[in-house]
Every structure is written in C-alpha cells, then in structure tokens.
Amino acid sequence: MTQPLPSSRRLHPFAGQRLSAAEYVDMLLPPRIHLELLLTGETINPWHLTSVVGVFNVATALAYMHHDRRAIRLYEAISQLVLGISRAGFDQPGMRERLRKTFNIADDYLQQQTRPDLLRAVRLVEYQIRHGQATPLVLEPVAADALC
C-alpha cells in the first residue's frame, strides 16, 4: 500500500492543464474586440485601451514568472507605446500595426500557458494594481455619474 503524498506535494487537479478553447475565447474576446475598436476609431476610448493593457499586463507577469527575458523586453517596450497612445493617441506612423502585432504575440503567449500560471499572473497584476505598484494610464478624469 502506498502512502499518500503530503499536502504540500499533492498535485493540483488542474496542474499542467491549459484553458479550453471556449474558456480562452471568453477571456480574450472582449480585449480583442476593444483592440479592433481602438485601431479603427478616431479617438482613444480609455475603457478599450485599459482592456487591451490588461492583456499586456498579464503577459508581462507571466514573462517575469518564467524569467523570459525576451518577452519581458517586448512587453515593457509595448507598455511605453501604450502610455504614449494614452497621452497623445496614434501620433506616429506604424503605431497601430505595432500594437496589433504585439497583441497577437501576447495572445499566443497567453494561449501557451497553463491554467495555474494564468491564475497566478492575473492575481499578481491585481495585487500590483491594488497596492499602487502599476503605472496608471494618464487618462482624462471620468465623472462618477458617467460610470452608472
């Protein structure tokens, strides 16, 4: 008879499991739509930009978790681009295409991750936002009654 593993050594039932196709679509469809609206619109909608930035934030957290230096450099560079877009819009040629290409790379990167890693990355981003460790986008203030 084999002894059960100590609780610290038990495998989580979802360890190594990736999201199903339906779960992945549910997670990435809204930011994908928001990206397209940003790229085709004349003005920058702060809610759409924030949705797109969320994908990059999770991808950056995953890159740090996996010590993926190439991905870290890519997502940090795109963070600077997004900050520029939030402040001045798409004022330079090629910004829209660069944002689309990098979003597609982040999308692929997220799709390769396991469920526990995605959850840890999302929790890390939420923690950083709650504790003021994230760089806020410089957006126009929104009236409180506009949120209702």
Protein backbone atom coordinates (compact mmCIF):
# COMPACT_ATOMS: atom_id res chain seq x y z
CA MET A 1 0.00 0.00 0.00
CA THR A 2 1.42 3.39 -0.99
CA GLN A 3 1.44 6.33 1.36
CA PRO A 4 -0.44 9.45 0.23
CA LEU A 5 1.70 12.43 -0.63
CA PRO A 6 1.95 15.17 2.00
CA SER A 7 -0.42 18.02 1.24
CA SER A 8 2.46 20.22 0.08
CA ARG A 9 3.42 17.62 -2.56
CA ARG A 10 -0.02 16.73 -3.90
CA LEU A 11 -0.67 17.70 -7.46
CA HIS A 12 -3.45 20.15 -8.05
CA PRO A 13 -6.11 18.62 -10.33
CA PHE A 14 -5.60 21.46 -12.84
CA ALA A 15 -1.78 21.46 -12.72
CA GLY A 16 -0.44 21.48 -16.25
CA GLN A 17 -3.91 21.87 -17.76
CA ARG A 18 -4.50 24.59 -20.30
CA LEU A 19 -7.71 26.53 -20.72
CA SER A 20 -10.27 25.02 -23.06
CA ALA A 21 -10.85 26.79 -26.37
CA ALA A 22 -14.16 28.16 -25.08
CA GLU A 23 -12.58 29.49 -21.87
CA TYR A 24 -9.79 31.09 -23.84
CA VAL A 25 -12.23 32.79 -26.21
CA ASP A 26 -14.25 34.05 -23.23
CA MET A 27 -11.09 35.51 -21.72
CA LEU A 28 -9.63 37.14 -24.84
CA LEU A 29 -12.64 38.05 -26.98
CA PRO A 30 -13.51 41.34 -25.21
CA PRO A 31 -9.92 42.70 -25.33
CA ARG A 32 -9.64 41.59 -28.99
CA ILE A 33 -12.82 43.50 -29.87
CA HIS A 34 -11.58 46.52 -27.90
CA LEU A 35 -8.28 46.41 -29.79
CA GLU A 36 -10.09 46.47 -33.13
CA LEU A 37 -12.27 49.38 -31.96
CA LEU A 38 -9.13 51.27 -30.88
CA LEU A 39 -7.34 50.64 -34.14
CA THR A 40 -10.27 51.65 -36.34
CA GLY A 41 -11.55 54.57 -34.25
CA GLU A 42 -10.61 58.20 -34.50
CA THR A 43 -10.49 58.78 -30.75
CA ILE A 44 -8.98 56.73 -27.94
CA ASN A 45 -11.60 55.19 -25.67
CA PRO A 46 -9.96 54.80 -22.22
CA TRP A 47 -12.03 51.70 -21.39
CA HIS A 48 -10.94 49.94 -24.58
CA LEU A 49 -7.31 50.87 -24.00
CA THR A 50 -7.46 49.61 -20.42
CA SER A 51 -8.87 46.29 -21.62
CA VAL A 52 -6.01 45.87 -24.11
CA VAL A 53 -3.44 46.87 -21.49
CA GLY A 54 -4.77 44.12 -19.21
CA VAL A 55 -3.64 41.51 -21.73
CA PHE A 56 -0.15 43.01 -21.83
CA ASN A 57 -0.02 43.21 -18.02
CA VAL A 58 -0.83 39.51 -17.65
CA ALA A 59 1.66 38.59 -20.39
CA THR A 60 4.34 40.68 -18.64
CA ALA A 61 3.61 38.99 -15.30
CA LEU A 62 3.92 35.58 -16.96
CA ALA A 63 7.20 36.58 -18.60
CA TYR A 64 8.60 37.58 -15.20
CA MET A 65 7.32 34.37 -13.61
CA HIS A 66 9.09 32.32 -16.28
CA HIS A 67 12.21 34.53 -16.39
CA ASP A 68 11.62 35.03 -20.12
CA ARG A 69 13.93 37.98 -20.80
CA ARG A 70 12.96 38.36 -24.45
CA ALA A 71 9.26 38.54 -23.60
CA ILE A 72 9.94 40.92 -20.69
CA ARG A 73 11.73 43.35 -23.03
CA LEU A 74 8.94 43.09 -25.62
CA TYR A 75 6.10 43.72 -23.17
CA GLU A 76 7.93 46.52 -21.35
CA ALA A 77 8.52 48.24 -24.70
CA ILE A 78 4.88 47.90 -25.63
CA SER A 79 3.93 49.36 -22.24
CA GLN A 80 5.79 52.52 -23.21
CA LEU A 81 3.98 52.57 -26.55
CA VAL A 82 0.61 52.21 -24.81
CA LEU A 83 1.45 55.02 -22.39
CA GLY A 84 2.27 57.19 -25.39
CA ILE A 85 -1.02 56.26 -27.05
CA SER A 86 -2.93 57.11 -23.86
CA ARG A 87 -1.31 60.55 -23.76
CA ALA A 88 -1.15 61.56 -27.43
CA GLY A 89 -3.13 58.99 -29.42
CA PHE A 90 -1.73 57.31 -32.51
CA ASP A 91 0.52 60.23 -33.44
CA GLN A 92 3.28 58.28 -35.21
CA PRO A 93 3.03 56.10 -38.30
CA GLY A 94 3.14 52.38 -37.62
CA MET A 95 1.85 52.58 -34.04
CA ARG A 96 -1.42 50.85 -34.87
CA GLU A 97 0.27 47.98 -36.67
CA ARG A 98 2.85 47.57 -33.91
CA LEU A 99 0.10 47.44 -31.29
CA ARG A 100 -1.81 44.82 -33.31
CA LYS A 101 1.28 42.65 -33.88
CA THR A 102 2.34 42.78 -30.24
CA PHE A 103 -1.20 41.99 -29.09
CA ASN A 104 -1.17 38.91 -31.33
CA ILE A 105 2.17 37.85 -29.82
CA ALA A 106 0.77 38.32 -26.30
CA ASP A 107 -2.35 36.39 -27.29
CA ASP A 108 -0.19 33.46 -28.46
CA TYR A 109 1.95 33.70 -25.32
CA LEU A 110 -1.11 33.51 -23.05
CA GLN A 111 -2.52 30.58 -25.00
CA GLN A 112 0.64 28.55 -24.28
CA GLN A 113 0.29 28.95 -20.50
CA THR A 114 -1.25 26.58 -18.01
CA ARG A 115 -4.34 27.42 -16.02
CA PRO A 116 -2.47 27.79 -12.67
CA ASP A 117 0.14 30.08 -14.23
CA LEU A 118 -2.54 32.28 -15.80
CA LEU A 119 -4.34 32.49 -12.47
CA ARG A 120 -1.13 33.42 -10.64
CA ALA A 121 -0.32 36.08 -13.23
CA VAL A 122 -3.80 37.62 -13.01
CA ARG A 123 -3.58 37.66 -9.21
CA LEU A 124 -0.14 39.29 -9.39
CA VAL A 125 -1.45 42.04 -11.68
CA GLU A 126 -4.46 42.61 -9.41
CA TYR A 127 -2.15 42.80 -6.38
CA GLN A 128 0.09 45.35 -8.09
CA ILE A 129 -2.86 47.49 -9.08
CA ARG A 130 -4.37 47.37 -5.56
CA HIS A 131 -1.05 48.33 -3.96
CA GLY A 132 -0.19 51.13 -6.40
CA GLN A 133 2.71 49.27 -7.99
CA ALA A 134 1.31 49.56 -11.52
CA THR A 135 1.88 52.52 -13.80
CA PRO A 136 -1.55 54.11 -14.30
CA LEU A 137 -2.58 55.25 -17.74
CA VAL A 138 -2.84 59.01 -17.98
CA LEU A 139 -6.45 59.35 -18.99
CA GLU A 140 -9.00 62.09 -18.77
CA PRO A 141 -10.94 62.02 -15.49
CA VAL A 142 -14.36 60.43 -15.75
CA ALA A 143 -17.30 61.86 -13.82
CA ALA A 144 -18.59 59.43 -11.19
CA ASP A 145 -22.14 59.63 -12.57
CA ALA A 146 -20.85 58.56 -16.00
CA LEU A 147 -19.94 55.18 -14.53
CA CYS A 148 -23.54 54.37 -13.58
